């Protein structure tokens, strides 16, 4: 498994596709990252599954 992976997803605010670089060296993490388009803060949740696939979700900070 590559420790740094790129994922494309949709911003929960503006709906634009954005690219995130994921650090898969930490199994479970949650952090805030600003959207590259609208600059609003998103909560990024990343966990690594047993098969070493990254499970990624993003949500609005104001939810």
C-alpha atoms as a PDB file:
ATOM      1  CA  UNK A   1       0.000   0.000   0.000  1.00  0.00           C
ATOM      2  CA  UNK A   2       1.203   3.483  -0.839  1.00  0.00           C
ATOM      3  CA  UNK A   3       1.372   5.691   2.240  1.00  0.00           C
ATOM      4  CA  UNK A   4       0.418   8.850   0.335  1.00  0.00           C
ATOM      5  CA  UNK A   5      -2.609   8.505  -1.941  1.00  0.00           C
ATOM      6  CA  UNK A   6      -4.626  11.008  -3.939  1.00  0.00           C
ATOM      7  CA  UNK A   7      -8.420  10.885  -3.891  1.00  0.00           C
ATOM      8  CA  UNK A   8     -10.934  12.994  -5.785  1.00  0.00           C
ATOM      9  CA  UNK A   9     -14.218  13.831  -4.100  1.00  0.00           C
ATOM     10  CA  UNK A  10     -17.010  16.362  -4.089  1.00  0.00           C
ATOM     11  CA  UNK A  11     -17.018  19.347  -1.727  1.00  0.00           C
ATOM     12  CA  UNK A  12     -20.023  19.158   0.633  1.00  0.00           C
ATOM     13  CA  UNK A  13     -20.533  22.935   0.268  1.00  0.00           C
ATOM     14  CA  UNK A  14     -20.027  23.948  -3.362  1.00  0.00           C
ATOM     15  CA  UNK A  15     -20.235  20.535  -5.053  1.00  0.00           C
ATOM     16  CA  UNK A  16     -17.000  20.987  -7.014  1.00  0.00           C
ATOM     17  CA  UNK A  17     -14.634  18.058  -7.456  1.00  0.00           C
ATOM     18  CA  UNK A  18     -11.487  18.509  -5.400  1.00  0.00           C
ATOM     19  CA  UNK A  19      -8.361  16.449  -4.900  1.00  0.00           C
ATOM     20  CA  UNK A  20      -7.029  15.452  -1.470  1.00  0.00           C
ATOM     21  CA  UNK A  21      -3.685  13.908  -0.610  1.00  0.00           C
ATOM     22  CA  UNK A  22      -4.198  11.269   2.068  1.00  0.00           C
ATOM     23  CA  UNK A  23      -1.561  10.162   4.555  1.00  0.00           C
ATOM     24  CA  UNK A  24      -2.406   6.478   4.967  1.00  0.00           C
ATOM     25  CA  UNK A  25       0.352   5.853   7.529  1.00  0.00           C
ATOM     26  CA  UNK A  26      -2.155   6.580  10.335  1.00  0.00           C
ATOM     27  CA  UNK A  27      -5.038   4.097  10.425  1.00  0.00           C
ATOM     28  CA  UNK A  28      -7.807   6.343  11.824  1.00  0.00           C
ATOM     29  CA  UNK A  29      -7.823  10.109  11.579  1.00  0.00           C
ATOM     30  CA  UNK A  30     -10.110  13.102  11.408  1.00  0.00           C
ATOM     31  CA  UNK A  31      -9.017  16.592  10.462  1.00  0.00           C
ATOM     32  CA  UNK A  32     -10.240  19.866   8.967  1.00  0.00           C
ATOM     33  CA  UNK A  33      -9.231  20.892   5.460  1.00  0.00           C
ATOM     34  CA  UNK A  34     -10.452  23.857   3.428  1.00  0.00           C
ATOM     35  CA  UNK A  35     -12.049  23.299   0.023  1.00  0.00           C
ATOM     36  CA  UNK A  36      -9.664  24.342  -2.744  1.00  0.00           C
ATOM     37  CA  UNK A  37     -12.528  26.055  -4.608  1.00  0.00           C
ATOM     38  CA  UNK A  38     -14.807  27.756  -2.059  1.00  0.00           C
ATOM     39  CA  UNK A  39     -12.347  27.804   0.909  1.00  0.00           C
ATOM     40  CA  UNK A  40     -14.942  26.510   3.378  1.00  0.00           C
ATOM     41  CA  UNK A  41     -13.767  24.066   6.082  1.00  0.00           C
ATOM     42  CA  UNK A  42     -14.617  20.376   5.642  1.00  0.00           C
ATOM     43  CA  UNK A  43     -14.209  17.611   8.194  1.00  0.00           C
ATOM     44  CA  UNK A  44     -12.231  14.785   6.580  1.00  0.00           C
ATOM     45  CA  UNK A  45     -12.494  11.322   8.133  1.00  0.00           C
ATOM     46  CA  UNK A  46     -10.085   8.647   6.974  1.00  0.00           C
ATOM     47  CA  UNK A  47      -9.728   5.067   8.121  1.00  0.00           C
ATOM     48  CA  UNK A  48      -7.810   2.183   6.625  1.00  0.00           C
ATOM     49  CA  UNK A  49      -9.805  -1.005   6.053  1.00  0.00           C
ATOM     50  CA  UNK A  50      -8.478  -4.495   6.757  1.00  0.00           C
ATOM     51  CA  UNK A  51      -7.733  -4.905   3.036  1.00  0.00           C
ATOM     52  CA  UNK A  52      -5.660  -1.671   3.271  1.00  0.00           C
ATOM     53  CA  UNK A  53      -8.114   0.384   1.212  1.00  0.00           C
ATOM     54  CA  UNK A  54      -8.651   3.938   2.455  1.00  0.00           C
ATOM     55  CA  UNK A  55     -12.220   4.717   3.534  1.00  0.00           C
ATOM     56  CA  UNK A  56     -12.754   8.446   3.126  1.00  0.00           C
ATOM     57  CA  UNK A  57     -15.664  10.705   3.954  1.00  0.00           C
ATOM     58  CA  UNK A  58     -16.078  14.474   4.111  1.00  0.00           C
ATOM     59  CA  UNK A  59     -18.789  16.534   5.748  1.00  0.00           C
ATOM     60  CA  UNK A  60     -19.584  20.151   6.364  1.00  0.00           C
ATOM     61  CA  UNK A  61     -18.047  21.633   9.482  1.00  0.00           C
ATOM     62  CA  UNK A  62     -21.347  23.306  10.401  1.00  0.00           C
ATOM     63  CA  UNK A  63     -23.318  20.013  10.505  1.00  0.00           C
END
